[in-house]
Amino acid sequence: MNSTPPPPDNPDLLSHHMFDVLAHYSTLLVQDDNADLGEPDPAWFGPLAKDWINTAPGVIGIGVARPFTVPVTVDVRRTPPADDDAEMRQADHVTQAGLALPSGRLLVSTLGLESDPPRTLLTPGNYAVRVYQELSALAGSRRTRARPAGRQ
């Protein structure tokens, strides 16, 4: 994980984090540290294949094209990014979901692998997560933006 301080010219950006995550089973998970998806029912994977996103309490699943290492960027913002921002214009697909983060520890991880993914410390609360997907890119990169839901 690579974390950098927010740029001084963007007071809306609270933190910026970059990860490389192995998308085992063609899935990434953005979740609260205390959430436990367990062994998902096969029905869990339908929305991941169709809409590239699915949710469970404390968990957002993000589908990827193939099981390989995917670059993931997490930006924590005070307010949502503009609907006409550069990522929105460049993305092939954009989805959004809410995420409860009672522990204040955000994980970006994968299904089926035992590991100790890095934790991103945030203020406990409810967040909106916007996922920008560049489906045309072979790497299938995902850009994830999170912001406290109560700060709009």
N, C-alpha and C. Protein backbone atom coordinates (compact mmCIF):
# COMPACT_ATOMS: atom_id res chain seq x y z
N MET A 1 0.85 -1.17 0.00
CA MET A 1 0.00 0.00 0.00
C MET A 1 0.89 1.23 0.00
N ASN A 2 0.49 2.21 -0.76
CA ASN A 2 1.19 3.48 -0.83
C ASN A 2 0.19 4.57 -0.46
N SER A 3 0.46 5.29 0.61
CA SER A 3 -0.41 6.39 1.04
C SER A 3 0.36 7.69 0.88
N THR A 4 -0.32 8.68 0.36
CA THR A 4 0.30 9.99 0.22
C THR A 4 -0.62 11.02 0.86
N PRO A 5 -0.04 12.09 1.39
CA PRO A 5 -0.91 13.13 1.97
C PRO A 5 -1.71 13.81 0.86
N PRO A 6 -2.87 14.34 1.22
CA PRO A 6 -3.67 15.03 0.22
C PRO A 6 -2.92 16.24 -0.32
N PRO A 7 -3.11 16.54 -1.60
CA PRO A 7 -2.45 17.72 -2.15
C PRO A 7 -3.00 19.00 -1.52
N PRO A 8 -2.13 19.98 -1.27
CA PRO A 8 -2.60 21.21 -0.62
C PRO A 8 -3.60 22.00 -1.47
N ASP A 9 -3.61 21.76 -2.77
CA ASP A 9 -4.53 22.51 -3.65
C ASP A 9 -5.90 21.83 -3.76
N ASN A 10 -6.13 20.74 -3.03
CA ASN A 10 -7.42 20.06 -3.06
C ASN A 10 -7.90 19.80 -1.64
N PRO A 11 -8.52 20.79 -0.98
CA PRO A 11 -8.95 20.63 0.41
C PRO A 11 -10.06 19.60 0.58
N ASP A 12 -10.72 19.19 -0.51
CA ASP A 12 -11.79 18.20 -0.43
C ASP A 12 -11.25 16.79 -0.24
N LEU A 13 -10.01 16.55 -0.64
CA LEU A 13 -9.41 15.22 -0.54
C LEU A 13 -8.79 15.02 0.84
N LEU A 14 -9.33 14.05 1.61
CA LEU A 14 -8.84 13.79 2.96
C LEU A 14 -7.64 12.86 2.98
N SER A 15 -7.65 11.82 2.12
CA SER A 15 -6.50 10.91 2.04
C SER A 15 -6.51 10.21 0.69
N HIS A 16 -5.33 9.70 0.31
CA HIS A 16 -5.13 9.06 -0.99
C HIS A 16 -4.30 7.80 -0.76
N HIS A 17 -4.79 6.65 -1.22
CA HIS A 17 -4.12 5.37 -1.00
C HIS A 17 -4.12 4.57 -2.30
N MET A 18 -3.01 3.90 -2.58
CA MET A 18 -2.91 3.07 -3.77
C MET A 18 -2.50 1.65 -3.36
N PHE A 19 -3.16 0.66 -3.96
CA PHE A 19 -2.93 -0.75 -3.66
C PHE A 19 -2.76 -1.52 -4.96
N ASP A 20 -2.08 -2.64 -4.89
CA ASP A 20 -2.11 -3.67 -5.92
C ASP A 20 -2.70 -4.89 -5.25
N VAL A 21 -3.86 -5.35 -5.74
CA VAL A 21 -4.59 -6.43 -5.10
C VAL A 21 -4.80 -7.57 -6.09
N LEU A 22 -4.47 -8.79 -5.68
CA LEU A 22 -4.75 -9.96 -6.50
C LEU A 22 -6.24 -10.22 -6.46
N ALA A 23 -6.89 -10.12 -7.58
CA ALA A 23 -8.35 -10.31 -7.67
C ALA A 23 -8.66 -11.79 -7.86
N HIS A 24 -8.41 -12.56 -6.80
CA HIS A 24 -8.70 -13.99 -6.80
C HIS A 24 -10.20 -14.17 -7.00
N TYR A 25 -10.62 -15.15 -7.77
CA TYR A 25 -12.03 -15.36 -8.13
C TYR A 25 -12.61 -14.14 -8.84
N SER A 26 -11.76 -13.33 -9.48
CA SER A 26 -12.18 -12.15 -10.24
C SER A 26 -13.00 -11.19 -9.39
N THR A 27 -12.64 -11.07 -8.11
CA THR A 27 -13.39 -10.24 -7.18
C THR A 27 -12.45 -9.49 -6.23
N LEU A 28 -12.74 -8.22 -6.02
CA LEU A 28 -12.11 -7.43 -4.97
C LEU A 28 -13.16 -7.17 -3.90
N LEU A 29 -12.72 -7.03 -2.68
CA LEU A 29 -13.63 -6.66 -1.59
C LEU A 29 -13.16 -5.37 -0.96
N VAL A 30 -14.06 -4.42 -0.80
CA VAL A 30 -13.83 -3.20 -0.04
C VAL A 30 -14.73 -3.35 1.17
N GLN A 31 -14.13 -3.39 2.37
CA GLN A 31 -14.95 -3.77 3.52
C GLN A 31 -14.45 -3.19 4.82
N ASP A 32 -15.35 -3.21 5.81
CA ASP A 32 -14.99 -2.89 7.18
C ASP A 32 -14.15 -4.03 7.73
N ASP A 33 -13.17 -3.71 8.56
CA ASP A 33 -12.28 -4.72 9.10
C ASP A 33 -13.02 -5.80 9.89
N ASN A 34 -14.15 -5.47 10.49
CA ASN A 34 -14.89 -6.44 11.29
C ASN A 34 -15.94 -7.21 10.49
N ALA A 35 -16.16 -6.86 9.24
CA ALA A 35 -17.16 -7.55 8.42
C ALA A 35 -16.62 -8.91 8.00
N ASP A 36 -17.51 -9.88 7.89
CA ASP A 36 -17.11 -11.22 7.48
C ASP A 36 -18.10 -11.73 6.45
N LEU A 37 -17.68 -11.75 5.20
CA LEU A 37 -18.55 -12.25 4.13
C LEU A 37 -18.71 -13.76 4.22
N GLY A 38 -17.73 -14.44 4.81
CA GLY A 38 -17.79 -15.89 4.88
C GLY A 38 -17.65 -16.50 3.50
N GLU A 39 -18.17 -17.68 3.35
CA GLU A 39 -18.19 -18.34 2.04
C GLU A 39 -19.46 -17.90 1.33
N PRO A 40 -19.33 -17.04 0.32
CA PRO A 40 -20.54 -16.50 -0.31
C PRO A 40 -21.34 -17.58 -1.05
N ASP A 41 -22.64 -17.41 -1.00
CA ASP A 41 -23.55 -18.25 -1.76
C ASP A 41 -23.26 -18.04 -3.25
N PRO A 42 -23.44 -19.05 -4.09
CA PRO A 42 -23.20 -18.85 -5.52
C PRO A 42 -23.99 -17.68 -6.11
N ALA A 43 -25.15 -17.35 -5.54
CA ALA A 43 -25.94 -16.22 -6.04
C ALA A 43 -25.21 -14.88 -5.86
N TRP A 44 -24.24 -14.82 -4.94
CA TRP A 44 -23.46 -13.60 -4.72
C TRP A 44 -22.74 -13.17 -6.01
N PHE A 45 -22.31 -14.13 -6.80
CA PHE A 45 -21.48 -13.84 -7.97
C PHE A 45 -22.27 -13.34 -9.18
N GLY A 46 -23.59 -13.57 -9.22
CA GLY A 46 -24.41 -13.11 -10.35
C GLY A 46 -24.33 -11.61 -10.57
N PRO A 47 -24.62 -10.78 -9.55
CA PRO A 47 -24.50 -9.33 -9.73
C PRO A 47 -23.06 -8.88 -10.04
N LEU A 48 -22.07 -9.61 -9.52
CA LEU A 48 -20.68 -9.24 -9.83
C LEU A 48 -20.39 -9.42 -11.32
N ALA A 49 -20.96 -10.45 -11.92
CA ALA A 49 -20.75 -10.69 -13.35
C ALA A 49 -21.59 -9.73 -14.20
N LYS A 50 -22.80 -9.42 -13.73
CA LYS A 50 -23.71 -8.59 -14.53
C LYS A 50 -23.45 -7.09 -14.33
N ASP A 51 -23.37 -6.65 -13.07
CA ASP A 51 -23.27 -5.22 -12.75
C ASP A 51 -21.89 -4.82 -12.24
N TRP A 52 -20.99 -5.77 -12.06
CA TRP A 52 -19.63 -5.54 -11.57
C TRP A 52 -19.59 -5.07 -10.13
N ILE A 53 -20.72 -5.23 -9.38
CA ILE A 53 -20.74 -4.82 -7.98
C ILE A 53 -21.81 -5.62 -7.24
N ASN A 54 -21.57 -5.89 -5.95
CA ASN A 54 -22.57 -6.49 -5.09
C ASN A 54 -22.23 -6.07 -3.66
N THR A 55 -23.22 -6.11 -2.78
CA THR A 55 -22.99 -5.69 -1.40
C THR A 55 -23.51 -6.72 -0.42
N ALA A 56 -22.94 -6.68 0.76
CA ALA A 56 -23.39 -7.43 1.93
C ALA A 56 -23.10 -6.50 3.11
N PRO A 57 -23.63 -6.77 4.30
CA PRO A 57 -23.37 -5.87 5.42
C PRO A 57 -21.86 -5.65 5.65
N GLY A 58 -21.43 -4.41 5.51
CA GLY A 58 -20.04 -4.04 5.73
C GLY A 58 -19.09 -4.40 4.61
N VAL A 59 -19.63 -4.90 3.47
CA VAL A 59 -18.79 -5.38 2.37
C VAL A 59 -19.32 -4.88 1.03
N ILE A 60 -18.42 -4.44 0.17
CA ILE A 60 -18.75 -4.18 -1.24
C ILE A 60 -17.85 -5.09 -2.07
N GLY A 61 -18.47 -5.91 -2.91
CA GLY A 61 -17.73 -6.75 -3.83
C GLY A 61 -17.65 -6.06 -5.18
N ILE A 62 -16.48 -6.07 -5.78
CA ILE A 62 -16.26 -5.45 -7.09
C ILE A 62 -15.76 -6.53 -8.03
N GLY A 63 -16.49 -6.75 -9.11
CA GLY A 63 -16.09 -7.76 -10.09
C GLY A 63 -15.02 -7.21 -11.01
N VAL A 64 -14.10 -8.08 -11.40
CA VAL A 64 -13.06 -7.73 -12.37
C VAL A 64 -13.08 -8.75 -13.49
N ALA A 65 -12.50 -8.39 -14.61
CA ALA A 65 -12.58 -9.21 -15.81
C ALA A 65 -11.89 -10.57 -15.67
N ARG A 66 -10.75 -10.59 -14.99
CA ARG A 66 -9.98 -11.83 -14.85
C ARG A 66 -9.28 -11.84 -13.49
N PRO A 67 -8.89 -13.02 -13.03
CA PRO A 67 -8.17 -13.09 -11.75
C PRO A 67 -6.69 -12.73 -11.92
N PHE A 68 -6.35 -11.48 -11.69
CA PHE A 68 -4.97 -11.03 -11.75
C PHE A 68 -4.80 -9.86 -10.82
N THR A 69 -3.60 -9.34 -10.71
CA THR A 69 -3.34 -8.21 -9.82
C THR A 69 -3.90 -6.94 -10.44
N VAL A 70 -4.67 -6.22 -9.64
CA VAL A 70 -5.39 -5.04 -10.12
C VAL A 70 -4.94 -3.82 -9.31
N PRO A 71 -4.60 -2.72 -10.00
CA PRO A 71 -4.30 -1.49 -9.25
C PRO A 71 -5.60 -0.87 -8.73
N VAL A 72 -5.60 -0.49 -7.45
CA VAL A 72 -6.79 0.11 -6.83
C VAL A 72 -6.36 1.41 -6.16
N THR A 73 -7.09 2.47 -6.41
CA THR A 73 -6.86 3.76 -5.77
C THR A 73 -8.05 4.07 -4.89
N VAL A 74 -7.79 4.42 -3.63
CA VAL A 74 -8.86 4.84 -2.71
C VAL A 74 -8.60 6.28 -2.33
N ASP A 75 -9.50 7.16 -2.72
CA ASP A 75 -9.47 8.56 -2.33
C ASP A 75 -10.60 8.79 -1.35
N VAL A 76 -10.31 9.34 -0.21
CA VAL A 76 -11.34 9.67 0.78
C VAL A 76 -11.58 11.17 0.68
N ARG A 77 -12.82 11.54 0.38
CA ARG A 77 -13.18 12.94 0.13
C ARG A 77 -14.25 13.41 1.10
N ARG A 78 -14.30 14.73 1.28
CA ARG A 78 -15.35 15.33 2.10
C ARG A 78 -16.69 15.32 1.37
N THR A 79 -16.65 15.47 0.07
CA THR A 79 -17.86 15.53 -0.76
C THR A 79 -17.66 14.64 -1.98
N PRO A 80 -18.73 14.28 -2.66
CA PRO A 80 -18.57 13.42 -3.83
C PRO A 80 -17.81 14.15 -4.94
N PRO A 81 -17.08 13.39 -5.76
CA PRO A 81 -16.44 14.03 -6.91
C PRO A 81 -17.51 14.51 -7.88
N ALA A 82 -17.17 15.50 -8.68
CA ALA A 82 -18.12 16.02 -9.66
C ALA A 82 -18.48 14.93 -10.66
N ASP A 83 -19.73 14.97 -11.13
CA ASP A 83 -20.16 13.97 -12.10
C ASP A 83 -19.47 14.11 -13.45
N ASP A 84 -18.76 15.20 -13.64
CA ASP A 84 -18.05 15.38 -14.91
C ASP A 84 -16.54 15.38 -14.70
N ASP A 85 -16.07 14.78 -13.59
CA ASP A 85 -14.64 14.76 -13.35
C ASP A 85 -13.94 13.85 -14.36
N ALA A 86 -12.63 13.91 -14.42
CA ALA A 86 -11.85 13.18 -15.42
C ALA A 86 -12.08 11.68 -15.33
N GLU A 87 -12.12 11.12 -14.09
CA GLU A 87 -12.33 9.69 -13.95
C GLU A 87 -13.67 9.26 -14.52
N MET A 88 -14.69 10.08 -14.29
CA MET A 88 -16.02 9.76 -14.81
C MET A 88 -16.01 9.74 -16.34
N ARG A 89 -15.35 10.70 -16.93
CA ARG A 89 -15.31 10.78 -18.40
C ARG A 89 -14.50 9.63 -19.00
N GLN A 90 -13.46 9.17 -18.31
CA GLN A 90 -12.60 8.12 -18.86
C GLN A 90 -13.10 6.71 -18.57
N ALA A 91 -13.99 6.57 -17.60
CA ALA A 91 -14.44 5.25 -17.18
C ALA A 91 -15.39 4.63 -18.20
N ASP A 92 -15.31 3.32 -18.33
CA ASP A 92 -16.25 2.58 -19.16
C ASP A 92 -17.52 2.25 -18.38
N HIS A 93 -17.40 2.16 -17.05
CA HIS A 93 -18.53 1.78 -16.21
C HIS A 93 -18.32 2.41 -14.83
N VAL A 94 -19.37 2.99 -14.26
CA VAL A 94 -19.30 3.61 -12.93
C VAL A 94 -20.45 3.04 -12.09
N THR A 95 -20.12 2.58 -10.88
CA THR A 95 -21.14 2.10 -9.96
C THR A 95 -20.88 2.72 -8.59
N GLN A 96 -21.91 2.69 -7.75
CA GLN A 96 -21.81 3.29 -6.44
C GLN A 96 -22.56 2.44 -5.43
N ALA A 97 -22.07 2.43 -4.19
CA ALA A 97 -22.75 1.70 -3.13
C ALA A 97 -22.39 2.34 -1.80
N GLY A 98 -23.24 2.12 -0.79
CA GLY A 98 -22.96 2.59 0.55
C GLY A 98 -22.15 1.55 1.31
N LEU A 99 -21.34 2.02 2.26
CA LEU A 99 -20.53 1.11 3.08
C LEU A 99 -20.51 1.61 4.51
N ALA A 100 -21.00 0.78 5.44
CA ALA A 100 -20.90 1.09 6.87
C ALA A 100 -19.52 0.67 7.33
N LEU A 101 -18.84 1.58 8.02
CA LEU A 101 -17.48 1.33 8.48
C LEU A 101 -17.40 1.60 9.98
N PRO A 102 -18.07 0.76 10.81
CA PRO A 102 -18.08 1.03 12.25
C PRO A 102 -16.72 0.89 12.92
N SER A 103 -15.84 0.07 12.38
CA SER A 103 -14.52 -0.11 13.00
C SER A 103 -13.57 1.03 12.69
N GLY A 104 -13.84 1.76 11.60
CA GLY A 104 -12.92 2.81 11.16
C GLY A 104 -11.70 2.27 10.44
N ARG A 105 -11.70 0.96 10.13
CA ARG A 105 -10.59 0.34 9.41
C ARG A 105 -11.11 -0.23 8.10
N LEU A 106 -10.65 0.33 6.99
CA LEU A 106 -11.07 -0.09 5.66
C LEU A 106 -10.07 -1.09 5.11
N LEU A 107 -10.57 -2.21 4.60
CA LEU A 107 -9.74 -3.22 3.95
C LEU A 107 -10.07 -3.27 2.47
N VAL A 108 -9.07 -3.41 1.65
CA VAL A 108 -9.24 -3.75 0.24
C VAL A 108 -8.57 -5.10 0.08
N SER A 109 -9.37 -6.14 -0.15
CA SER A 109 -8.84 -7.49 -0.13
C SER A 109 -9.49 -8.33 -1.23
N THR A 110 -9.42 -9.64 -1.07
CA THR A 110 -9.92 -10.56 -2.08
C THR A 110 -10.56 -11.77 -1.42
N LEU A 111 -11.30 -12.52 -2.19
CA LEU A 111 -11.91 -13.75 -1.69
C LEU A 111 -10.92 -14.90 -1.75
N GLY A 112 -10.99 -15.80 -0.78
CA GLY A 112 -10.33 -17.08 -0.89
C GLY A 112 -8.85 -17.14 -0.58
N LEU A 113 -8.23 -16.06 -0.19
CA LEU A 113 -6.82 -16.11 0.15
C LEU A 113 -6.62 -15.68 1.59
N GLU A 114 -5.87 -16.44 2.33
CA GLU A 114 -5.53 -16.04 3.69
C GLU A 114 -4.36 -15.06 3.61
N SER A 115 -4.57 -13.87 4.04
CA SER A 115 -3.50 -12.87 4.03
C SER A 115 -3.83 -11.80 5.08
N ASP A 116 -2.94 -10.87 5.22
CA ASP A 116 -3.15 -9.77 6.15
C ASP A 116 -3.11 -8.47 5.36
N PRO A 117 -4.23 -8.13 4.68
CA PRO A 117 -4.22 -6.92 3.87
C PRO A 117 -4.04 -5.67 4.73
N PRO A 118 -3.45 -4.63 4.15
CA PRO A 118 -3.27 -3.40 4.92
C PRO A 118 -4.61 -2.76 5.27
N ARG A 119 -4.63 -2.10 6.41
CA ARG A 119 -5.82 -1.38 6.86
C ARG A 119 -5.63 0.11 6.62
N THR A 120 -6.67 0.76 6.11
CA THR A 120 -6.68 2.20 5.96
C THR A 120 -7.54 2.76 7.07
N LEU A 121 -6.96 3.59 7.93
CA LEU A 121 -7.69 4.14 9.07
C LEU A 121 -8.52 5.34 8.62
N LEU A 122 -9.81 5.29 8.92
CA LEU A 122 -10.75 6.35 8.59
C LEU A 122 -11.62 6.63 9.80
N THR A 123 -12.35 7.69 9.77
CA THR A 123 -13.31 7.98 10.82
C THR A 123 -14.46 6.98 10.72
N PRO A 124 -14.81 6.29 11.81
CA PRO A 124 -15.95 5.38 11.74
C PRO A 124 -17.20 6.11 11.27
N GLY A 125 -17.99 5.43 10.46
CA GLY A 125 -19.22 6.03 9.95
C GLY A 125 -19.68 5.36 8.68
N ASN A 126 -20.58 6.04 7.98
CA ASN A 126 -21.13 5.53 6.73
C ASN A 126 -20.49 6.27 5.56
N TYR A 127 -20.10 5.51 4.56
CA TYR A 127 -19.41 6.06 3.40
C TYR A 127 -20.15 5.69 2.12
N ALA A 128 -20.02 6.53 1.12
CA ALA A 128 -20.48 6.21 -0.23
C ALA A 128 -19.23 5.87 -1.03
N VAL A 129 -19.28 4.77 -1.75
CA VAL A 129 -18.14 4.32 -2.53
C VAL A 129 -18.52 4.36 -4.01
N ARG A 130 -17.74 5.07 -4.79
CA ARG A 130 -17.94 5.13 -6.24
C ARG A 130 -16.79 4.37 -6.89
N VAL A 131 -17.14 3.45 -7.77
CA VAL A 131 -16.15 2.61 -8.43
C VAL A 131 -16.11 2.98 -9.91
N TYR A 132 -14.94 3.41 -10.37
CA TYR A 132 -14.71 3.71 -11.78
C TYR A 132 -13.99 2.52 -12.38
N GLN A 133 -14.54 1.95 -13.44
CA GLN A 133 -13.94 0.77 -14.04
C GLN A 133 -13.54 1.08 -15.47
N GLU A 134 -12.31 0.75 -15.78
CA GLU A 134 -11.81 0.87 -17.14
C GLU A 134 -11.79 -0.52 -17.74
N LEU A 135 -12.96 -0.96 -18.20
CA LEU A 135 -13.12 -2.32 -18.68
C LEU A 135 -12.34 -2.58 -19.95
N SER A 136 -12.08 -1.54 -20.72
CA SER A 136 -11.35 -1.71 -21.96
C SER A 136 -9.86 -1.93 -21.73
N ALA A 137 -9.36 -1.55 -20.56
CA ALA A 137 -7.94 -1.75 -20.26
C ALA A 137 -7.70 -3.21 -19.91
N LEU A 138 -6.65 -3.79 -20.45
CA LEU A 138 -6.35 -5.19 -20.18
C LEU A 138 -6.20 -5.44 -18.70
N ALA A 139 -5.62 -4.48 -17.98
CA ALA A 139 -5.41 -4.65 -16.54
C ALA A 139 -6.70 -4.55 -15.75
N GLY A 140 -7.77 -4.03 -16.37
CA GLY A 140 -9.05 -3.94 -15.67
C GLY A 140 -8.98 -3.11 -14.41
N SER A 141 -8.27 -1.99 -14.44
CA SER A 141 -8.04 -1.22 -13.22
C SER A 141 -9.34 -0.68 -12.66
N ARG A 142 -9.34 -0.51 -11.35
CA ARG A 142 -10.48 0.04 -10.63
C ARG A 142 -10.02 1.25 -9.86
N ARG A 143 -10.78 2.31 -9.93
CA ARG A 143 -10.52 3.46 -9.09
C ARG A 143 -11.70 3.57 -8.15
N THR A 144 -11.44 3.60 -6.88
CA THR A 144 -12.48 3.63 -5.87
C THR A 144 -12.38 4.94 -5.11
N ARG A 145 -13.48 5.64 -4.96
CA ARG A 145 -13.52 6.88 -4.22
C ARG A 145 -14.49 6.70 -3.06
N ALA A 146 -14.07 7.04 -1.86
CA ALA A 146 -14.94 6.92 -0.70
C ALA A 146 -15.08 8.27 -0.03
N ARG A 147 -16.26 8.56 0.50
CA ARG A 147 -16.47 9.80 1.24
C ARG A 147 -17.48 9.52 2.33
N PRO A 148 -17.37 10.23 3.45
CA PRO A 148 -18.38 10.06 4.49
C PRO A 148 -19.76 10.40 3.94
N ALA A 149 -20.73 9.51 4.12
CA ALA A 149 -22.06 9.70 3.55
C ALA A 149 -22.74 10.93 4.12
N GLY A 150 -22.48 11.30 5.34
CA GLY A 150 -23.15 12.43 5.96
C GLY A 150 -22.61 13.77 5.52
N ARG A 151 -21.54 13.79 4.76
CA ARG A 151 -20.92 15.05 4.33
C ARG A 151 -21.12 15.25 2.85
N GLN A 152 -22.28 15.77 2.47
CA GLN A 152 -22.56 15.93 1.05
C GLN A 152 -22.63 17.37 0.65
